Amino acid sequence: MQYRFGNQVVTNLGAELVVSRRVAVSLQAVGRFTAWDRFRGQDVPSTGETFLDVSPGVSLRSGQGTTVYAHVELPVYERVNETNLAPRWGLLLGISGRL
């Protein structure tokens, strides 16, 4: 195969504060570095990136073991090689539960 994706390193640091039995707030920091992709021994334009995102969130727990959560991903730092698509912000919504 002549196309190789760049190596990627992802780090994550987070904390959660339990406000009450059913409510918790959180804060996460996510760093991501991706090296240039390579094709036939050459760097591929518009690949590779460095990002640092901060993500505040909230979780709401029910009495039956179900949790609804939301996190907003906000870019603090971003560096892309040449022209590259980069998000302005992100929203993660989810539901988790126990059987």
PDB file of N, CA and C in Angstrom:
ATOM      1  N   MET A   1       0.851  -1.174   0.000  1.00  0.00           N
ATOM      2  CA  MET A   1       0.000   0.000   0.000  1.00  0.00           C
ATOM      3  C   MET A   1       0.893   1.232   0.000  1.00  0.00           C
ATOM      4  N   GLN A   2       0.604   2.176  -0.844  1.00  0.00           N
ATOM      5  CA  GLN A   2       1.463   3.351  -0.970  1.00  0.00           C
ATOM      6  C   GLN A   2       0.955   4.553  -0.182  1.00  0.00           C
ATOM      7  N   TYR A   3      -0.294   4.532   0.252  1.00  0.00           N
ATOM      8  CA  TYR A   3      -0.831   5.633   1.057  1.00  0.00           C
ATOM      9  C   TYR A   3      -0.751   5.250   2.522  1.00  0.00           C
ATOM     10  N   ARG A   4      -0.155   6.103   3.349  1.00  0.00           N
ATOM     11  CA  ARG A   4      -0.045   5.853   4.792  1.00  0.00           C
ATOM     12  C   ARG A   4      -0.608   7.044   5.556  1.00  0.00           C
ATOM     13  N   PHE A   5      -1.539   6.748   6.438  1.00  0.00           N
ATOM     14  CA  PHE A   5      -2.093   7.790   7.295  1.00  0.00           C
ATOM     15  C   PHE A   5      -1.048   8.200   8.321  1.00  0.00           C
ATOM     16  N   GLY A   6      -1.044   9.499   8.688  1.00  0.00           N
ATOM     17  CA  GLY A   6      -0.108  10.005   9.683  1.00  0.00           C
ATOM     18  C   GLY A   6      -0.420   9.457  11.072  1.00  0.00           C
ATOM     19  N   ASN A   7       0.628   9.284  11.863  1.00  0.00           N
ATOM     20  CA  ASN A   7       0.437   8.854  13.249  1.00  0.00           C
ATOM     21  C   ASN A   7      -0.385   9.889  13.996  1.00  0.00           C
ATOM     22  N   GLN A   8      -1.141   9.424  14.993  1.00  0.00           N
ATOM     23  CA  GLN A   8      -1.987  10.333  15.755  1.00  0.00           C
ATOM     24  C   GLN A   8      -1.781  10.088  17.246  1.00  0.00           C
ATOM     25  N   VAL A   9      -1.683  11.172  18.004  1.00  0.00           N
ATOM     26  CA  VAL A   9      -1.584  11.117  19.458  1.00  0.00           C
ATOM     27  C   VAL A   9      -2.748  11.929  20.017  1.00  0.00           C
ATOM     28  N   VAL A  10      -3.509  11.319  20.944  1.00  0.00           N
ATOM     29  CA  VAL A  10      -4.641  11.997  21.564  1.00  0.00           C
ATOM     30  C   VAL A  10      -4.455  11.934  23.081  1.00  0.00           C
ATOM     31  N   THR A  11      -4.611  13.084  23.740  1.00  0.00           N
ATOM     32  CA  THR A  11      -4.567  13.133  25.198  1.00  0.00           C
ATOM     33  C   THR A  11      -5.871  13.730  25.704  1.00  0.00           C
ATOM     34  N   ASN A  12      -6.273  13.308  26.897  1.00  0.00           N
ATOM     35  CA  ASN A  12      -7.532  13.763  27.465  1.00  0.00           C
ATOM     36  C   ASN A  12      -7.354  13.929  28.965  1.00  0.00           C
ATOM     37  N   LEU A  13      -7.819  15.048  29.488  1.00  0.00           N
ATOM     38  CA  LEU A  13      -7.790  15.304  30.917  1.00  0.00           C
ATOM     39  C   LEU A  13      -9.159  15.840  31.289  1.00  0.00           C
ATOM     40  N   GLY A  14      -9.759  15.284  32.332  1.00  0.00           N
ATOM     41  CA  GLY A  14     -11.098  15.722  32.686  1.00  0.00           C
ATOM     42  C   GLY A  14     -11.363  15.648  34.169  1.00  0.00           C
ATOM     43  N   ALA A  15     -12.380  16.378  34.588  1.00  0.00           N
ATOM     44  CA  ALA A  15     -12.824  16.364  35.980  1.00  0.00           C
ATOM     45  C   ALA A  15     -14.339  16.494  36.006  1.00  0.00           C
ATOM     46  N   GLU A  16     -14.932  15.894  37.033  1.00  0.00           N
ATOM     47  CA  GLU A  16     -16.382  15.966  37.188  1.00  0.00           C
ATOM     48  C   GLU A  16     -16.697  16.396  38.609  1.00  0.00           C
ATOM     49  N   LEU A  17     -17.659  17.300  38.747  1.00  0.00           N
ATOM     50  CA  LEU A  17     -18.119  17.770  40.044  1.00  0.00           C
ATOM     51  C   LEU A  17     -19.571  17.347  40.208  1.00  0.00           C
ATOM     52  N   VAL A  18     -19.848  16.554  41.226  1.00  0.00           N
ATOM     53  CA  VAL A  18     -21.212  16.112  41.504  1.00  0.00           C
ATOM     54  C   VAL A  18     -21.907  17.231  42.278  1.00  0.00           C
ATOM     55  N   VAL A  19     -22.896  17.839  41.659  1.00  0.00           N
ATOM     56  CA  VAL A  19     -23.615  18.960  42.250  1.00  0.00           C
ATOM     57  C   VAL A  19     -24.712  18.461  43.185  1.00  0.00           C
ATOM     58  N   SER A  20     -25.393  17.408  42.780  1.00  0.00           N
ATOM     59  CA  SER A  20     -26.435  16.789  43.594  1.00  0.00           C
ATOM     60  C   SER A  20     -26.499  15.306  43.218  1.00  0.00           C
ATOM     61  N   ARG A  21     -27.432  14.579  43.820  1.00  0.00           N
ATOM     62  CA  ARG A  21     -27.570  13.154  43.515  1.00  0.00           C
ATOM     63  C   ARG A  21     -27.838  12.904  42.034  1.00  0.00           C
ATOM     64  N   ARG A  22     -28.438  13.855  41.382  1.00  0.00           N
ATOM     65  CA  ARG A  22     -28.834  13.651  39.984  1.00  0.00           C
ATOM     66  C   ARG A  22     -28.114  14.539  38.975  1.00  0.00           C
ATOM     67  N   VAL A  23     -27.339  15.491  39.418  1.00  0.00           N
ATOM     68  CA  VAL A  23     -26.704  16.443  38.498  1.00  0.00           C
ATOM     69  C   VAL A  23     -25.192  16.469  38.728  1.00  0.00           C
ATOM     70  N   ALA A  24     -24.451  16.416  37.625  1.00  0.00           N
ATOM     71  CA  ALA A  24     -22.995  16.555  37.677  1.00  0.00           C
ATOM     72  C   ALA A  24     -22.558  17.448  36.518  1.00  0.00           C
ATOM     73  N   VAL A  25     -21.540  18.260  36.759  1.00  0.00           N
ATOM     74  CA  VAL A  25     -20.954  19.075  35.698  1.00  0.00           C
ATOM     75  C   VAL A  25     -19.519  18.600  35.486  1.00  0.00           C
ATOM     76  N   SER A  26     -19.032  18.773  34.274  1.00  0.00           N
ATOM     77  CA  SER A  26     -17.693  18.286  33.970  1.00  0.00           C
ATOM     78  C   SER A  26     -16.955  19.280  33.088  1.00  0.00           C
ATOM     79  N   LEU A  27     -15.644  19.102  33.042  1.00  0.00           N
ATOM     80  CA  LEU A  27     -14.799  19.890  32.166  1.00  0.00           C
ATOM     81  C   LEU A  27     -13.705  18.971  31.645  1.00  0.00           C
ATOM     82  N   GLN A  28     -13.538  18.938  30.337  1.00  0.00           N
ATOM     83  CA  GLN A  28     -12.520  18.102  29.703  1.00  0.00           C
ATOM     84  C   GLN A  28     -11.649  18.963  28.806  1.00  0.00           C
ATOM     85  N   ALA A  29     -10.386  18.567  28.704  1.00  0.00           N
ATOM     86  CA  ALA A  29      -9.468  19.161  27.736  1.00  0.00           C
ATOM     87  C   ALA A  29      -8.949  18.015  26.878  1.00  0.00           C
ATOM     88  N   VAL A  30      -9.025  18.179  25.570  1.00  0.00           N
ATOM     89  CA  VAL A  30      -8.598  17.139  24.635  1.00  0.00           C
ATOM     90  C   VAL A  30      -7.566  17.735  23.691  1.00  0.00           C
ATOM     91  N   GLY A  31      -6.397  17.117  23.642  1.00  0.00           N
ATOM     92  CA  GLY A  31      -5.364  17.525  22.705  1.00  0.00           C
ATOM     93  C   GLY A  31      -5.171  16.436  21.662  1.00  0.00           C
ATOM     94  N   ARG A  32      -4.976  16.844  20.415  1.00  0.00           N
ATOM     95  CA  ARG A  32      -4.812  15.863  19.338  1.00  0.00           C
ATOM     96  C   ARG A  32      -3.762  16.364  18.356  1.00  0.00           C
ATOM     97  N   PHE A  33      -2.789  15.522  18.080  1.00  0.00           N
ATOM     98  CA  PHE A  33      -1.771  15.815  17.067  1.00  0.00           C
ATOM     99  C   PHE A  33      -1.806  14.712  16.030  1.00  0.00           C
ATOM    100  N   THR A  34      -1.907  15.078  14.770  1.00  0.00           N
ATOM    101  CA  THR A  34      -1.872  14.121  13.668  1.00  0.00           C
ATOM    102  C   THR A  34      -0.793  14.561  12.687  1.00  0.00           C
ATOM    103  N   ALA A  35       0.117  13.647  12.384  1.00  0.00           N
ATOM    104  CA  ALA A  35       1.194  13.942  11.434  1.00  0.00           C
ATOM    105  C   ALA A  35       0.647  13.922  10.007  1.00  0.00           C
ATOM    106  N   TRP A  36       1.440  14.455   9.086  1.00  0.00           N
ATOM    107  CA  TRP A  36       1.071  14.441   7.667  1.00  0.00           C
ATOM    108  C   TRP A  36       0.831  13.001   7.206  1.00  0.00           C
ATOM    109  N   ASP A  37      -0.157  12.799   6.355  1.00  0.00           N
ATOM    110  CA  ASP A  37      -0.277  11.533   5.634  1.00  0.00           C
ATOM    111  C   ASP A  37       0.838  11.498   4.591  1.00  0.00           C
ATOM    112  N   ARG A  38       1.185  10.289   4.131  1.00  0.00           N
ATOM    113  CA  ARG A  38       2.247  10.146   3.130  1.00  0.00           C
ATOM    114  C   ARG A  38       1.723   9.312   1.960  1.00  0.00           C
ATOM    115  N   PHE A  39       2.121   9.696   0.760  1.00  0.00           N
ATOM    116  CA  PHE A  39       1.780   8.942  -0.442  1.00  0.00           C
ATOM    117  C   PHE A  39       3.022   8.888  -1.323  1.00  0.00           C
ATOM    118  N   ARG A  40       3.449   7.680  -1.607  1.00  0.00           N
ATOM    119  CA  ARG A  40       4.652   7.461  -2.418  1.00  0.00           C
ATOM    120  C   ARG A  40       5.853   8.242  -1.880  1.00  0.00           C
ATOM    121  N   GLY A  41       5.969   8.253  -0.530  1.00  0.00           N
ATOM    122  CA  GLY A  41       7.108   8.886   0.115  1.00  0.00           C
ATOM    123  C   GLY A  41       7.021  10.393   0.255  1.00  0.00           C
ATOM    124  N   GLN A  42       5.910  11.002  -0.150  1.00  0.00           N
ATOM    125  CA  GLN A  42       5.749  12.453  -0.091  1.00  0.00           C
ATOM    126  C   GLN A  42       4.621  12.811   0.882  1.00  0.00           C
ATOM    127  N   ASP A  43       4.763  13.963   1.567  1.00  0.00           N
ATOM    128  CA  ASP A  43       3.682  14.455   2.414  1.00  0.00           C
ATOM    129  C   ASP A  43       2.464  14.784   1.554  1.00  0.00           C
ATOM    130  N   VAL A  44       1.280  14.472   2.090  1.00  0.00           N
ATOM    131  CA  VAL A  44       0.032  14.765   1.385  1.00  0.00           C
ATOM    132  C   VAL A  44      -0.464  16.141   1.838  1.00  0.00           C
ATOM    133  N   PRO A  45      -0.655  17.083   0.903  1.00  0.00           N
ATOM    134  CA  PRO A  45      -1.129  18.417   1.280  1.00  0.00           C
ATOM    135  C   PRO A  45      -2.461  18.342   2.027  1.00  0.00           C
ATOM    136  N   SER A  46      -2.683  19.321   2.869  1.00  0.00           N
ATOM    137  CA  SER A  46      -3.943  19.474   3.603  1.00  0.00           C
ATOM    138  C   SER A  46      -4.239  18.315   4.539  1.00  0.00           C
ATOM    139  N   THR A  47      -3.206  17.629   5.021  1.00  0.00           N
ATOM    140  CA  THR A  47      -3.387  16.624   6.063  1.00  0.00           C
ATOM    141  C   THR A  47      -2.500  17.017   7.234  1.00  0.00           C
ATOM    142  N   GLY A  48      -2.742  16.435   8.381  1.00  0.00           N
ATOM    143  CA  GLY A  48      -1.992  16.757   9.584  1.00  0.00           C
ATOM    144  C   GLY A  48      -2.616  17.942  10.302  1.00  0.00           C
ATOM    145  N   GLU A  49      -2.593  17.872  11.632  1.00  0.00           N
ATOM    146  CA  GLU A  49      -3.250  18.920  12.412  1.00  0.00           C
ATOM    147  C   GLU A  49      -2.824  18.841  13.867  1.00  0.00           C
ATOM    148  N   THR A  50      -3.009  19.938  14.576  1.00  0.00           N
ATOM    149  CA  THR A  50      -2.836  19.988  16.024  1.00  0.00           C
ATOM    150  C   THR A  50      -4.026  20.752  16.581  1.00  0.00           C
ATOM    151  N   PHE A  51      -4.721  20.151  17.551  1.00  0.00           N
ATOM    152  CA  PHE A  51      -5.903  20.766  18.150  1.00  0.00           C
ATOM    153  C   PHE A  51      -5.833  20.692  19.661  1.00  0.00           C
ATOM    154  N   LEU A  52      -6.396  21.688  20.327  1.00  0.00           N
ATOM    155  CA  LEU A  52      -6.681  21.633  21.758  1.00  0.00           C
ATOM    156  C   LEU A  52      -8.105  22.125  21.920  1.00  0.00           C
ATOM    157  N   ASP A  53      -8.960  21.263  22.444  1.00  0.00           N
ATOM    158  CA  ASP A  53     -10.366  21.600  22.661  1.00  0.00           C
ATOM    159  C   ASP A  53     -10.677  21.556  24.148  1.00  0.00           C
ATOM    160  N   VAL A  54     -11.561  22.446  24.593  1.00  0.00           N
ATOM    161  CA  VAL A  54     -12.094  22.422  25.952  1.00  0.00           C
ATOM    162  C   VAL A  54     -13.563  22.073  25.829  1.00  0.00           C
ATOM    163  N   SER A  55     -14.028  21.204  26.725  1.00  0.00           N
ATOM    164  CA  SER A  55     -15.384  20.695  26.594  1.00  0.00           C
ATOM    165  C   SER A  55     -16.108  20.685  27.943  1.00  0.00           C
ATOM    166  N   PRO A  56     -16.896  21.738  28.241  1.00  0.00           N
ATOM    167  CA  PRO A  56     -17.739  21.691  29.433  1.00  0.00           C
ATOM    168  C   PRO A  56     -18.959  20.815  29.174  1.00  0.00           C
ATOM    169  N   GLY A  57     -19.465  20.211  30.239  1.00  0.00           N
ATOM    170  CA  GLY A  57     -20.615  19.336  30.055  1.00  0.00           C
ATOM    171  C   GLY A  57     -21.476  19.231  31.302  1.00  0.00           C
ATOM    172  N   VAL A  58     -22.635  18.621  31.125  1.00  0.00           N
ATOM    173  CA  VAL A  58     -23.557  18.381  32.230  1.00  0.00           C
ATOM    174  C   VAL A  58     -24.179  16.998  32.053  1.00  0.00           C
ATOM    175  N   SER A  59     -24.394  16.301  33.176  1.00  0.00           N
ATOM    176  CA  SER A  59     -25.050  14.983  33.177  1.00  0.00           C
ATOM    177  C   SER A  59     -26.237  15.028  34.121  1.00  0.00           C
ATOM    178  N   LEU A  60     -27.364  14.471  33.675  1.00  0.00           N
ATOM    179  CA  LEU A  60     -28.571  14.396  34.487  1.00  0.00           C
ATOM    180  C   LEU A  60     -28.930  12.925  34.658  1.00  0.00           C
ATOM    181  N   ARG A  61     -28.947  12.462  35.908  1.00  0.00           N
ATOM    182  CA  ARG A  61     -29.225  11.048  36.199  1.00  0.00           C
ATOM    183  C   ARG A  61     -30.658  10.870  36.688  1.00  0.00           C
ATOM    184  N   SER A  62     -31.297   9.810  36.217  1.00  0.00           N
ATOM    185  CA  SER A  62     -32.641   9.486  36.698  1.00  0.00           C
ATOM    186  C   SER A  62     -32.522   8.472  37.829  1.00  0.00           C
ATOM    187  N   GLY A  63     -33.623   8.208  38.488  1.00  0.00           N
ATOM    188  CA  GLY A  63     -33.633   7.212  39.564  1.00  0.00           C
ATOM    189  C   GLY A  63     -33.539   5.788  39.057  1.00  0.00           C
ATOM    190  N   GLN A  64     -33.763   5.542  37.767  1.00  0.00           N
ATOM    191  CA  GLN A  64     -33.732   4.199  37.204  1.00  0.00           C
ATOM    192  C   GLN A  64     -32.376   3.854  36.582  1.00  0.00           C
ATOM    193  N   GLY A  65     -31.346   4.646  36.791  1.00  0.00           N
ATOM    194  CA  GLY A  65     -30.019   4.335  36.263  1.00  0.00           C
ATOM    195  C   GLY A  65     -29.742   4.851  34.865  1.00  0.00           C
ATOM    196  N   THR A  66     -30.619   5.702  34.348  1.00  0.00           N
ATOM    197  CA  THR A  66     -30.398   6.296  33.037  1.00  0.00           C
ATOM    198  C   THR A  66     -29.768   7.684  33.213  1.00  0.00           C
ATOM    199  N   THR A  67     -28.804   8.005  32.351  1.00  0.00           N
ATOM    200  CA  THR A  67     -28.139   9.309  32.392  1.00  0.00           C
ATOM    201  C   THR A  67     -28.243   9.969  31.022  1.00  0.00           C
ATOM    202  N   VAL A  68     -28.636  11.221  31.015  1.00  0.00           N
ATOM    203  CA  VAL A  68     -28.656  12.039  29.803  1.00  0.00           C
ATOM    204  C   VAL A  68     -27.531  13.055  29.960  1.00  0.00           C
ATOM    205  N   TYR A  69     -26.718  13.214  28.912  1.00  0.00           N
ATOM    206  CA  TYR A  69     -25.575  14.118  29.038  1.00  0.00           C
ATOM    207  C   TYR A  69     -25.398  14.960  27.777  1.00  0.00           C
ATOM    208  N   ALA A  70     -24.721  16.095  27.966  1.00  0.00           N
ATOM    209  CA  ALA A  70     -24.422  17.003  26.857  1.00  0.00           C
ATOM    210  C   ALA A  70     -23.049  17.626  27.115  1.00  0.00           C
ATOM    211  N   HIS A  71     -22.262  17.703  26.054  1.00  0.00           N
ATOM    212  CA  HIS A  71     -20.940  18.335  26.105  1.00  0.00           C
ATOM    213  C   HIS A  71     -20.805  19.249  24.893  1.00  0.00           C
ATOM    214  N   VAL A  72     -20.235  20.425  25.102  1.00  0.00           N
ATOM    215  CA  VAL A  72     -19.947  21.354  24.015  1.00  0.00           C
ATOM    216  C   VAL A  72     -18.429  21.368  23.828  1.00  0.00           C
ATOM    217  N   GLU A  73     -17.973  21.098  22.614  1.00  0.00           N
ATOM    218  CA  GLU A  73     -16.539  21.104  22.312  1.00  0.00           C
ATOM    219  C   GLU A  73     -16.172  22.442  21.697  1.00  0.00           C
ATOM    220  N   LEU A  74     -15.271  23.153  22.373  1.00  0.00           N
ATOM    221  CA  LEU A  74     -14.865  24.481  21.931  1.00  0.00           C
ATOM    222  C   LEU A  74     -13.374  24.482  21.624  1.00  0.00           C
ATOM    223  N   PRO A  75     -12.979  24.801  20.402  1.00  0.00           N
ATOM    224  CA  PRO A  75     -11.554  24.825  20.073  1.00  0.00           C
ATOM    225  C   PRO A  75     -10.853  26.009  20.752  1.00  0.00           C
ATOM    226  N   VAL A  76      -9.744  25.702  21.417  1.00  0.00           N
ATOM    227  CA  VAL A  76      -8.926  26.721  22.064  1.00  0.00           C
ATOM    228  C   VAL A  76      -7.719  27.034  21.183  1.00  0.00           C
ATOM    229  N   TYR A  77      -7.174  26.003  20.557  1.00  0.00           N
ATOM    230  CA  TYR A  77      -6.017  26.158  19.678  1.00  0.00           C
ATOM    231  C   TYR A  77      -6.170  25.185  18.523  1.00  0.00           C
ATOM    232  N   GLU A  78      -5.837  25.628  17.328  1.00  0.00           N
ATOM    233  CA  GLU A  78      -5.825  24.725  16.186  1.00  0.00           C
ATOM    234  C   GLU A  78      -4.778  25.180  15.181  1.00  0.00           C
ATOM    235  N   ARG A  79      -4.070  24.213  14.654  1.00  0.00           N
ATOM    236  CA  ARG A  79      -3.093  24.459  13.593  1.00  0.00           C
ATOM    237  C   ARG A  79      -3.293  23.359  12.568  1.00  0.00           C
ATOM    238  N   VAL A  80      -3.576  23.760  11.357  1.00  0.00           N
ATOM    239  CA  VAL A  80      -3.753  22.796  10.277  1.00  0.00           C
ATOM    240  C   VAL A  80      -2.712  23.084   9.204  1.00  0.00           C
ATOM    241  N   ASN A  81      -2.344  22.077   8.474  1.00  0.00           N
ATOM    242  CA  ASN A  81      -1.383  22.228   7.388  1.00  0.00           C
ATOM    243  C   ASN A  81      -2.113  22.644   6.121  1.00  0.00           C
ATOM    244  N   GLU A  82      -1.703  23.763   5.568  1.00  0.00           N
ATOM    245  CA  GLU A  82      -2.309  24.314   4.362  1.00  0.00           C
ATOM    246  C   GLU A  82      -3.788  24.578   4.609  1.00  0.00           C
ATOM    247  N   THR A  83      -4.640  24.199   3.692  1.00  0.00           N
ATOM    248  CA  THR A  83      -6.078  24.376   3.859  1.00  0.00           C
ATOM    249  C   THR A  83      -6.663  23.058   4.337  1.00  0.00           C
ATOM    250  N   ASN A  84      -7.373  23.107   5.439  1.00  0.00           N
ATOM    251  CA  ASN A  84      -7.890  21.886   6.038  1.00  0.00           C
ATOM    252  C   ASN A  84      -9.209  22.236   6.723  1.00  0.00           C
ATOM    253  N   LEU A  85     -10.158  21.342   6.690  1.00  0.00           N
ATOM    254  CA  LEU A  85     -11.424  21.580   7.374  1.00  0.00           C
ATOM    255  C   LEU A  85     -11.211  21.480   8.877  1.00  0.00           C
ATOM    256  N   ALA A  86     -11.739  22.442   9.620  1.00  0.00           N
ATOM    257  CA  ALA A  86     -11.623  22.444  11.079  1.00  0.00           C
ATOM    258  C   ALA A  86     -12.961  22.896  11.665  1.00  0.00           C
ATOM    259  N   PRO A  87     -13.460  22.198  12.671  1.00  0.00           N
ATOM    260  CA  PRO A  87     -14.749  22.573  13.247  1.00  0.00           C
ATOM    261  C   PRO A  87     -14.663  23.861  14.064  1.00  0.00           C
ATOM    262  N   ARG A  88     -15.733  24.633  14.059  1.00  0.00           N
ATOM    263  CA  ARG A  88     -15.805  25.830  14.904  1.00  0.00           C
ATOM    264  C   ARG A  88     -16.229  25.460  16.314  1.00  0.00           C
ATOM    265  N   TRP A  89     -17.053  24.443  16.432  1.00  0.00           N
ATOM    266  CA  TRP A  89     -17.490  23.930  17.723  1.00  0.00           C
ATOM    267  C   TRP A  89     -18.171  22.592  17.483  1.00  0.00           C
ATOM    268  N   GLY A  90     -18.422  21.864  18.549  1.00  0.00           N
ATOM    269  CA  GLY A  90     -19.104  20.582  18.430  1.00  0.00           C
ATOM    270  C   GLY A  90     -20.069  20.387  19.586  1.00  0.00           C
ATOM    271  N   LEU A  91     -21.061  19.564  19.386  1.00  0.00           N
ATOM    272  CA  LEU A  91     -22.041  19.253  20.414  1.00  0.00           C
ATOM    273  C   LEU A  91     -22.202  17.745  20.474  1.00  0.00           C
ATOM    274  N   LEU A  92     -22.068  17.204  21.672  1.00  0.00           N
ATOM    275  CA  LEU A  92     -22.246  15.770  21.883  1.00  0.00           C
ATOM    276  C   LEU A  92     -23.410  15.583  22.853  1.00  0.00           C
ATOM    277  N   LEU A  93     -24.430  14.876  22.406  1.00  0.00           N
ATOM    278  CA  LEU A  93     -25.588  14.546  23.229  1.00  0.00           C
ATOM    279  C   LEU A  93     -25.675  13.035  23.341  1.00  0.00           C
ATOM    280  N   GLY A  94     -26.051  12.536  24.530  1.00  0.00           N
ATOM    281  CA  GLY A  94     -26.136  11.092  24.659  1.00  0.00           C
ATOM    282  C   GLY A  94     -27.014  10.643  25.804  1.00  0.00           C
ATOM    283  N   ILE A  95     -27.326   9.371  25.758  1.00  0.00           N
ATOM    284  CA  ILE A  95     -28.101   8.708  26.822  1.00  0.00           C
ATOM    285  C   ILE A  95     -27.370   7.409  27.130  1.00  0.00           C
ATOM    286  N   SER A  96     -27.177   7.133  28.398  1.00  0.00           N
ATOM    287  CA  SER A  96     -26.587   5.853  28.804  1.00  0.00           C
ATOM    288  C   SER A  96     -27.445   5.262  29.915  1.00  0.00           C
ATOM    289  N   GLY A  97     -27.346   3.964  30.075  1.00  0.00           N
ATOM    290  CA  GLY A  97     -28.147   3.319  31.108  1.00  0.00           C
ATOM    291  C   GLY A  97     -27.631   1.951  31.471  1.00  0.00           C
ATOM    292  N   ARG A  98     -28.208   1.392  32.495  1.00  0.00           N
ATOM    293  CA  ARG A  98     -27.877   0.029  32.958  1.00  0.00           C
ATOM    294  C   ARG A  98     -29.043  -0.890  32.682  1.00  0.00           C
ATOM    295  N   LEU A  99     -28.709  -2.114  32.380  1.00  0.00           N
ATOM    296  CA  LEU A  99     -29.767  -3.126  32.175  1.00  0.00           C
ATOM    297  C   LEU A  99     -30.099  -3.804  33.473  1.00  0.00           C
TER     298      LEU A  99
END
